[in-house]
Structures are given as structure tokens and as C-alpha cells.
Protein backbone atom coordinates (compact mmCIF):
# COMPACT_ATOMS: atom_id res chain seq x y z
CA UNK A 1 56.42 119.25 174.93
CA UNK A 2 53.00 118.99 173.04
CA UNK A 3 53.14 119.85 169.10
CA UNK A 4 49.56 121.70 168.10
CA UNK A 5 49.01 121.30 164.75
CA UNK A 6 48.00 124.39 162.43
CA UNK A 7 47.14 125.62 158.85
CA UNK A 8 49.31 127.54 156.94
CA UNK A 9 50.07 127.93 153.48
CA UNK A 10 51.92 124.55 152.63
CA UNK A 11 54.88 124.33 151.67
CA UNK A 12 57.77 121.53 151.28
CA UNK A 13 60.27 121.10 153.31
CA UNK A 14 62.43 119.07 151.25
CA UNK A 15 65.70 120.02 149.48
CA UNK A 16 64.93 123.71 148.78
CA UNK A 17 65.69 124.63 145.46
CA UNK A 18 68.96 126.30 144.27
CA UNK A 19 70.95 127.38 146.91
CA UNK A 20 67.15 128.89 148.85
CA UNK A 21 68.30 129.03 152.83
CA UNK A 22 65.56 127.04 154.75
CA UNK A 23 64.74 128.89 157.61
CA UNK A 24 63.10 127.84 160.70
CA UNK A 25 61.90 131.23 163.04
CA UNK A 26 62.27 129.97 166.52
CA UNK A 27 59.84 132.77 168.52
CA UNK A 28 59.09 131.83 172.33
CA UNK A 29 56.67 133.39 174.22
CA UNK A 30 54.93 134.01 177.65
CA UNK A 31 51.74 135.87 178.02
CA UNK A 32 52.48 138.58 175.50
CA UNK A 33 49.83 137.86 172.24
CA UNK A 34 49.78 141.39 171.19
CA UNK A 35 53.70 141.99 171.07
CA UNK A 36 53.77 138.07 169.15
CA UNK A 37 50.85 139.83 167.36
CA UNK A 38 53.22 142.81 165.94
CA UNK A 39 55.95 140.42 165.66
CA UNK A 40 54.41 137.80 163.23
CA UNK A 41 53.15 140.68 161.14
CA UNK A 42 56.44 141.60 160.48
CA UNK A 43 58.14 138.79 159.83
CA UNK A 44 55.30 138.36 156.99
CA UNK A 45 56.18 141.25 155.54
CA UNK A 46 59.77 140.81 155.14
CA UNK A 47 62.12 140.96 151.75
CA UNK A 48 63.70 137.38 151.71
CA UNK A 49 64.83 135.02 149.53
CA UNK A 50 64.77 132.21 152.11
CA UNK A 51 62.07 129.23 152.48
CA UNK A 52 60.84 130.10 155.86
CA UNK A 53 58.70 128.33 158.33
CA UNK A 54 57.42 130.05 161.55
CA UNK A 55 57.43 128.04 165.12
CA UNK A 56 55.70 129.99 168.08
CA UNK A 57 56.58 128.11 171.09
CA UNK A 58 54.16 128.60 173.96
CA UNK A 59 55.68 129.23 177.47
CA UNK A 60 52.10 129.17 178.94
CA UNK A 61 51.32 126.16 177.56
CA UNK A 62 48.67 125.98 175.01
CA UNK A 63 48.04 129.53 176.21
CA UNK A 64 47.21 133.11 174.75
CA UNK A 65 50.65 132.50 171.93
CA UNK A 66 48.63 129.54 171.16
CA UNK A 67 45.26 131.35 170.48
CA UNK A 68 47.37 134.01 168.70
CA UNK A 69 48.64 131.59 165.67
CA UNK A 70 45.40 129.97 165.37
CA UNK A 71 43.77 133.05 164.32
CA UNK A 72 46.84 133.72 162.13
CA UNK A 73 47.47 130.23 160.71
CA UNK A 74 45.34 129.46 157.72
CA UNK A 75 46.11 132.98 156.58
CA UNK A 76 49.53 133.78 157.38
CA UNK A 77 52.69 134.34 154.38
CA UNK A 78 53.97 131.22 156.10
CA UNK A 79 53.66 127.41 157.04
CA UNK A 80 53.54 128.33 161.42
CA UNK A 81 53.32 126.11 163.54
CA UNK A 82 53.05 126.22 167.55
CA UNK A 83 54.30 123.91 170.72
CA UNK A 84 52.98 124.01 173.89
CA UNK A 85 55.95 123.77 176.33
CA UNK A 86 54.49 123.84 179.82
CA UNK A 87 57.78 123.30 181.49
CA UNK A 88 58.45 127.07 182.27
CA UNK A 89 61.80 128.72 182.20
CA UNK A 90 64.38 130.45 179.43
CA UNK A 91 66.16 127.04 179.07
CA UNK A 92 62.55 124.52 178.86
CA UNK A 93 61.41 127.00 176.25
CA UNK A 94 64.35 127.26 174.03
CA UNK A 95 65.53 123.64 174.15
CA UNK A 96 61.76 122.81 173.05
CA UNK A 97 62.56 125.30 169.91
CA UNK A 98 65.84 123.26 169.19
CA UNK A 99 64.47 119.66 169.65
CA UNK A 100 61.75 120.54 167.01
CA UNK A 101 64.66 121.69 164.68
CA UNK A 102 66.51 118.69 165.52
CA UNK A 103 63.81 116.45 164.06
CA UNK A 104 63.07 118.04 160.89
CA UNK A 105 66.55 118.12 158.64
CA UNK A 106 65.00 120.26 156.14
CA UNK A 107 66.27 123.29 158.15
CA UNK A 108 69.40 124.68 157.68
CA UNK A 109 69.43 127.12 160.11
CA UNK A 110 67.28 128.29 163.41
CA UNK A 111 66.82 132.15 163.41
CA UNK A 112 65.57 133.63 166.84
CA UNK A 113 63.92 136.57 167.86
CA UNK A 114 61.56 137.30 170.92
CA UNK A 115 57.75 138.23 171.23
CA UNK A 116 58.68 141.83 171.85
CA UNK A 117 60.87 142.30 169.43
CA UNK A 118 60.32 142.68 165.35
CA UNK A 119 62.44 142.58 162.49
CA UNK A 120 63.42 144.55 159.72
CA UNK A 121 62.64 143.59 156.38
CA UNK A 122 65.81 142.05 155.12
CA UNK A 123 66.59 140.69 158.59
CA UNK A 124 67.10 136.75 157.78
CA UNK A 125 68.56 137.26 154.59
CA UNK A 126 71.22 139.66 156.18
CA UNK A 127 71.98 137.17 158.65
CA UNK A 128 72.32 134.31 156.01
CA UNK A 129 74.22 136.58 153.93
CA UNK A 130 76.67 136.54 156.85
CA UNK A 131 76.88 133.22 157.85
CA UNK A 132 77.38 132.04 154.67
CA UNK A 133 80.39 134.47 153.90
CA UNK A 134 82.02 133.58 157.28
CA UNK A 135 81.33 130.12 157.48
CA UNK A 136 80.60 130.45 161.42
CA UNK A 137 78.44 128.61 163.26
CA UNK A 138 76.77 131.91 165.00
CA UNK A 139 75.56 134.63 163.66
CA UNK A 140 74.22 138.10 165.72
CA UNK A 141 72.62 140.94 165.12
CA UNK A 142 71.86 144.43 166.70
CA UNK A 143 68.43 144.86 168.54
CA UNK A 144 67.70 148.64 169.14
CA UNK A 145 65.10 149.91 171.54
CA UNK A 146 62.05 151.59 171.04
CA UNK A 147 61.03 153.43 173.92
CA UNK A 148 57.66 154.23 174.97
CA UNK A 149 56.47 158.00 175.34
CA UNK A 150 57.59 160.01 177.85
CA UNK A 151 60.67 157.59 178.58
CA UNK A 152 63.12 159.74 180.97
CA UNK A 153 66.39 160.78 179.16
CA UNK A 154 68.15 158.71 181.43
CA UNK A 155 66.90 155.63 179.95
CA UNK A 156 68.23 156.38 176.58
CA UNK A 157 71.77 155.82 178.19
CA UNK A 158 71.21 152.90 179.86
CA UNK A 159 73.68 150.21 179.20
CA UNK A 160 70.58 147.63 179.44
CA UNK A 161 68.87 148.81 176.70
CA UNK A 162 72.09 149.29 174.44
CA UNK A 163 72.68 146.91 171.89
CA UNK A 164 76.05 145.20 171.23
CA UNK A 165 78.15 147.26 168.24
CA UNK A 166 80.62 145.45 166.85
CA UNK A 167 82.17 145.22 163.30
CA UNK A 168 80.63 142.95 160.43
CA UNK A 169 82.33 139.94 160.03
CA UNK A 170 83.83 137.57 162.19
CA UNK A 171 83.40 138.42 165.97
CA UNK A 172 84.91 136.41 169.23
CA UNK A 173 80.94 135.33 171.17
CA UNK A 174 77.61 136.99 170.73
CA UNK A 175 75.75 137.47 174.00
CA UNK A 176 72.06 136.80 173.28
CA UNK A 177 69.06 134.61 171.99
CA UNK A 178 67.14 138.20 171.29
CA UNK A 179 68.45 137.98 167.58
CA UNK A 180 70.02 135.11 166.45
CA UNK A 181 71.33 132.53 163.09
CA UNK A 182 72.15 129.26 164.10
CA UNK A 183 73.52 127.00 161.55
CA UNK A 184 72.33 123.34 161.39
CA UNK A 185 76.25 122.33 162.47
CA UNK A 186 75.58 124.43 166.35
CA UNK A 187 72.75 122.36 167.14
CA UNK A 188 72.17 118.97 165.39
CA UNK A 189 75.31 117.37 166.47
CA UNK A 190 73.80 116.66 169.56
CA UNK A 191 70.60 115.50 171.62
CA UNK A 192 71.54 116.88 174.76
CA UNK A 193 70.13 120.31 175.76
CA UNK A 194 72.00 123.55 174.38
CA UNK A 195 70.61 125.33 177.14
CA UNK A 196 71.44 124.16 181.00
CA UNK A 197 68.27 124.07 182.98
CA UNK A 198 70.19 125.52 186.15
CA UNK A 199 69.64 128.76 184.20
CA UNK A 200 65.66 128.24 183.82
CA UNK A 201 64.59 131.04 186.02
CA UNK A 202 67.07 132.84 186.26
CA UNK A 203 68.70 134.10 182.40
CA UNK A 204 72.11 133.28 181.40
CA UNK A 205 71.40 130.43 179.66
CA UNK A 206 72.00 132.00 176.20
CA UNK A 207 75.36 133.23 177.50
CA UNK A 208 76.56 129.75 179.33
CA UNK A 209 74.86 127.95 175.73
CA UNK A 210 77.82 130.00 173.43
CA UNK A 211 80.58 129.55 176.17
CA UNK A 212 80.14 126.14 175.13
CA UNK A 213 79.64 126.12 171.73
CA UNK A 214 82.59 128.54 171.77
CA UNK A 215 84.88 125.64 173.57
CA UNK A 216 83.61 123.02 170.80
CA UNK A 217 84.78 125.09 168.50
CA UNK A 218 82.18 127.11 166.51
CA UNK A 219 82.87 129.97 165.31
CA UNK A 220 80.57 133.45 165.86
CA UNK A 221 80.02 136.71 163.33
CA UNK A 222 77.86 139.87 163.44
CA UNK A 223 75.78 141.35 160.97
CA UNK A 224 75.15 144.67 161.61
CA UNK A 225 72.57 145.65 158.99
CA UNK A 226 70.40 142.10 160.34
CA UNK A 227 68.38 144.86 163.10
CA UNK A 228 65.80 143.92 165.07
CA UNK A 229 63.77 146.50 167.03
CA UNK A 230 63.10 145.55 170.67
CA UNK A 231 60.57 147.18 172.98
CA UNK A 232 61.10 148.70 176.00
CA UNK A 233 57.35 150.03 177.96
CA UNK A 234 57.33 152.26 180.49
CA UNK A 235 57.31 149.68 183.34
CA UNK A 236 60.86 148.94 182.22
CA UNK A 237 62.59 152.60 182.20
CA UNK A 238 62.54 152.58 186.09
CA UNK A 239 64.41 152.33 188.26
CA UNK A 240 63.60 149.40 189.98
CA UNK A 241 63.33 147.65 187.09
CA UNK A 242 66.96 148.28 185.72
CA UNK A 243 68.32 147.89 189.59
CA UNK A 244 66.43 144.09 189.65
CA UNK A 245 67.24 143.34 185.99
CA UNK A 246 71.36 144.37 186.36
CA UNK A 247 71.40 142.43 189.40
CA UNK A 248 70.61 139.53 187.97
CA UNK A 249 72.35 140.06 185.11
CA UNK A 250 75.51 140.12 187.25
CA UNK A 251 74.19 137.20 189.25
CA UNK A 252 73.29 134.95 186.24
CA UNK A 253 76.96 136.03 184.55
CA UNK A 254 79.03 135.07 187.67
CA UNK A 255 77.33 131.36 187.78
CA UNK A 256 78.65 131.71 183.84
CA UNK A 257 82.38 132.85 184.59
CA UNK A 258 82.76 130.25 187.36
CA UNK A 259 82.05 127.91 184.85
CA UNK A 260 84.08 129.19 181.65
CA UNK A 261 86.76 130.99 183.33
CA UNK A 262 87.93 130.89 186.50
CA UNK A 263 87.91 127.05 186.95
CA UNK A 264 88.58 125.03 189.91
CA UNK A 265 89.37 127.72 192.36
CA UNK A 266 86.75 130.30 191.03
CA UNK A 267 85.04 132.00 194.12
CA UNK A 268 88.64 132.50 195.50
CA UNK A 269 89.68 134.21 192.47
CA UNK A 270 86.95 135.96 191.50
CA UNK A 271 86.02 137.57 194.90
CA UNK A 272 89.20 140.05 194.94
CA UNK A 273 87.83 140.96 191.06
CA UNK A 274 84.54 141.92 192.60
CA UNK A 275 85.03 143.48 195.44
CA UNK A 276 86.88 145.56 193.18
CA UNK A 277 84.99 146.37 190.71
CA UNK A 278 82.28 147.37 193.00
CA UNK A 279 84.54 149.64 194.91
CA UNK A 280 85.62 151.33 191.23
CA UNK A 281 82.24 151.82 190.16
CA UNK A 282 80.79 153.13 193.30
CA UNK A 283 84.02 155.65 193.22
CA UNK A 284 82.49 156.56 189.58
CA UNK A 285 79.18 157.19 190.35
CA UNK A 286 79.76 159.43 193.06
CA UNK A 287 82.43 161.11 190.85
CA UNK A 288 80.01 161.60 188.15
CA UNK A 289 76.63 161.61 190.27
CA UNK A 290 75.71 164.96 188.27
CA UNK A 291 75.99 163.61 184.18
CA UNK A 292 72.93 161.78 184.18
CA UNK A 293 74.48 159.72 181.14
CA UNK A 294 77.20 158.42 183.29
CA UNK A 295 75.54 158.14 186.61
CA UNK A 296 72.86 155.48 184.96
CA UNK A 297 75.77 153.80 183.37
CA UNK A 298 78.15 153.42 186.52
CA UNK A 299 75.12 152.73 188.57
CA UNK A 300 74.16 149.59 186.26
CA UNK A 301 77.46 148.58 186.46
CA UNK A 302 78.00 148.59 190.22
CA UNK A 303 74.19 146.80 190.95
CA UNK A 304 75.88 144.44 188.81
CA UNK A 305 78.80 143.73 190.43
CA UNK A 306 76.60 143.09 193.32
CA UNK A 307 75.06 141.02 191.77
CA UNK A 308 78.63 138.54 191.09
CA UNK A 309 78.83 139.06 195.00
CA UNK A 310 75.27 138.29 195.70
CA UNK A 311 76.21 134.74 193.69
CA UNK A 312 80.07 134.46 195.15
CA UNK A 313 78.01 134.27 198.90
CA UNK A 314 75.81 131.54 197.97
CA UNK A 315 72.40 133.39 196.66
CA UNK A 316 70.97 133.11 193.34
CA UNK A 317 68.61 135.68 191.67
CA UNK A 318 65.63 134.39 190.00
CA UNK A 319 63.54 137.30 187.56
CA UNK A 320 61.57 135.02 186.23
CA UNK A 321 59.39 132.64 188.21
């Protein structure tokens, strides 16, 4: 990991005055310069009382994301840095951002958002308010899809594009890093990787990390008002893309479940449940074949179950290569 110094309007990162939250907004990026520009523009327009610093982690090394930050740095509203992360993979880039935050004790929080998303104006303040209300170490919020013009109707009902819908307040767990606030207590207690490199190319690193945090006693919360928008280009609203994504999610989730749910005899215990899920979802897919909404739901569930079965037979799915 190489830190590339940038400009940005200077700001003290010592003790913030009063009760002002000190937040590092951490953005992993890979070959999406236009998405990154849109995201940084939205962050600059936020209505926030927090003390903000923005970190872009360029998983292309010193690639397109680095150039975007250099273009914006001198005139950007908030202090902004970019780090080059040449070690490809989801865990590598997220661990690099956490390592950056750990080295600077001034940050109370790390907020994570992806480079194909953009936040609503009150995003950071809503996440921080929920954390302070609940005392949770990890707070999530909705990511709502924005489809490209001409997207097929069935895509609107695809569960892969639907955000979690949980009530405000303490929840059992959250499931993704695409809209996330980590309190310092959840990331600064250890020098070890929060995100397991075994998930670098497969995804699922976030679920595995949350299970580890939960096992360590950390609590989770949800803020329904802390919304981010998620770009769904035409290339994703296709049957091929959702098939690959659903299969990969099932595959990586089964690896997480073998670690955290099934225990010593995990494969023997997981196999019957997985085969049953395949049979049930195949049957429901046939029964509801004439309903576009239900058909795509059960299709995704079926493919996800097939991904789980593949993992149980020794086949890993690597989407991010």
C-alpha cells in the first residue's frame, strides 16, 4: 500500500471541538472514474456537522481513481487523500482503508461507500446519530437502486437489487459494506485484518467480518434515513449478470456459514439443507413461472442454492479476478 499525498482544504485532525463527530469516509475504487467523480461530488454537497476527511483507496494501484483525486484535491470541500492498493481484491482494499484509519487516532468513525453509489445529503449525520443513540459499533443503512433507462421490468423485482429493509435502531446484524459506519471500537482494537484475504476474489468478506465482530460482542444498528443510491447500469440488468452474481453470493455465503454456523461437521450438516432448498426453489419457480416478480425471486434463490452446493463439493466461485 502506497500513500499518495494530495492537497485539499486543510483541516485539523486533532480533538474536534464540542461533540463534533470525526469521520473518515473511505471509498474503494477500481476502474470507475466517472462513478468516483459522481460520488465525490455528492459527498461535497452533504449537509453535515461532522468533521470529514475523504480517503480513496485505488485498487488499480496508481490508476484512474488516483488521477480523479489529484484533479479535485486542491479545490475539494474536504481534506482528501488517495492510497494506491496494488494487491487486487476486496479484502485487500478494505483492509488498507482500515489500516489508514488505525494509524490516525483522530477518527471516531470510518464510513464506507462504494464508487458506484452516492449518498443523500444527510447520510453521515444520520449514521452518526443512530450510532450515538444505540451505542452500536456498526451501523448500516439502505442502498436503493437507480436503474438505467430501458431496464427490463423483472429487474425491478430482482432480490439482488433490493436493499435490506429493517426498522430504525438495534438489529441482529447488517450484511454489507456499501453503506456502513464503523465506530472506532469496532476497528481499532486489533492490528489483524478485519477482512479475510481468503475472500479477496469471491466476495463475502463483509459478511465474514460482521460475523467475527458479532462473535466478539459488537452490536449492530440500522438507520432507514441514511440512504445511498446504487447505480444499476444496463449491463447488470441482464439474466446472465444476475445468474453469475447469485451463484457467487451463494458460494461465498456457504463458506461463511461453514465457519460460523455449522461447526465441525459443517459440510454434512449443510448438504441436506442445501439440497432441500434447491428442490423447494425449483418447485416454486415452476409454480410461479407466469409471475415475473415471483419468477425472478425464486430463480435467484435457486441459483444461490446451487452456488452453495458448488462450494460444498469443493468449487469456489471467483467473480472479482
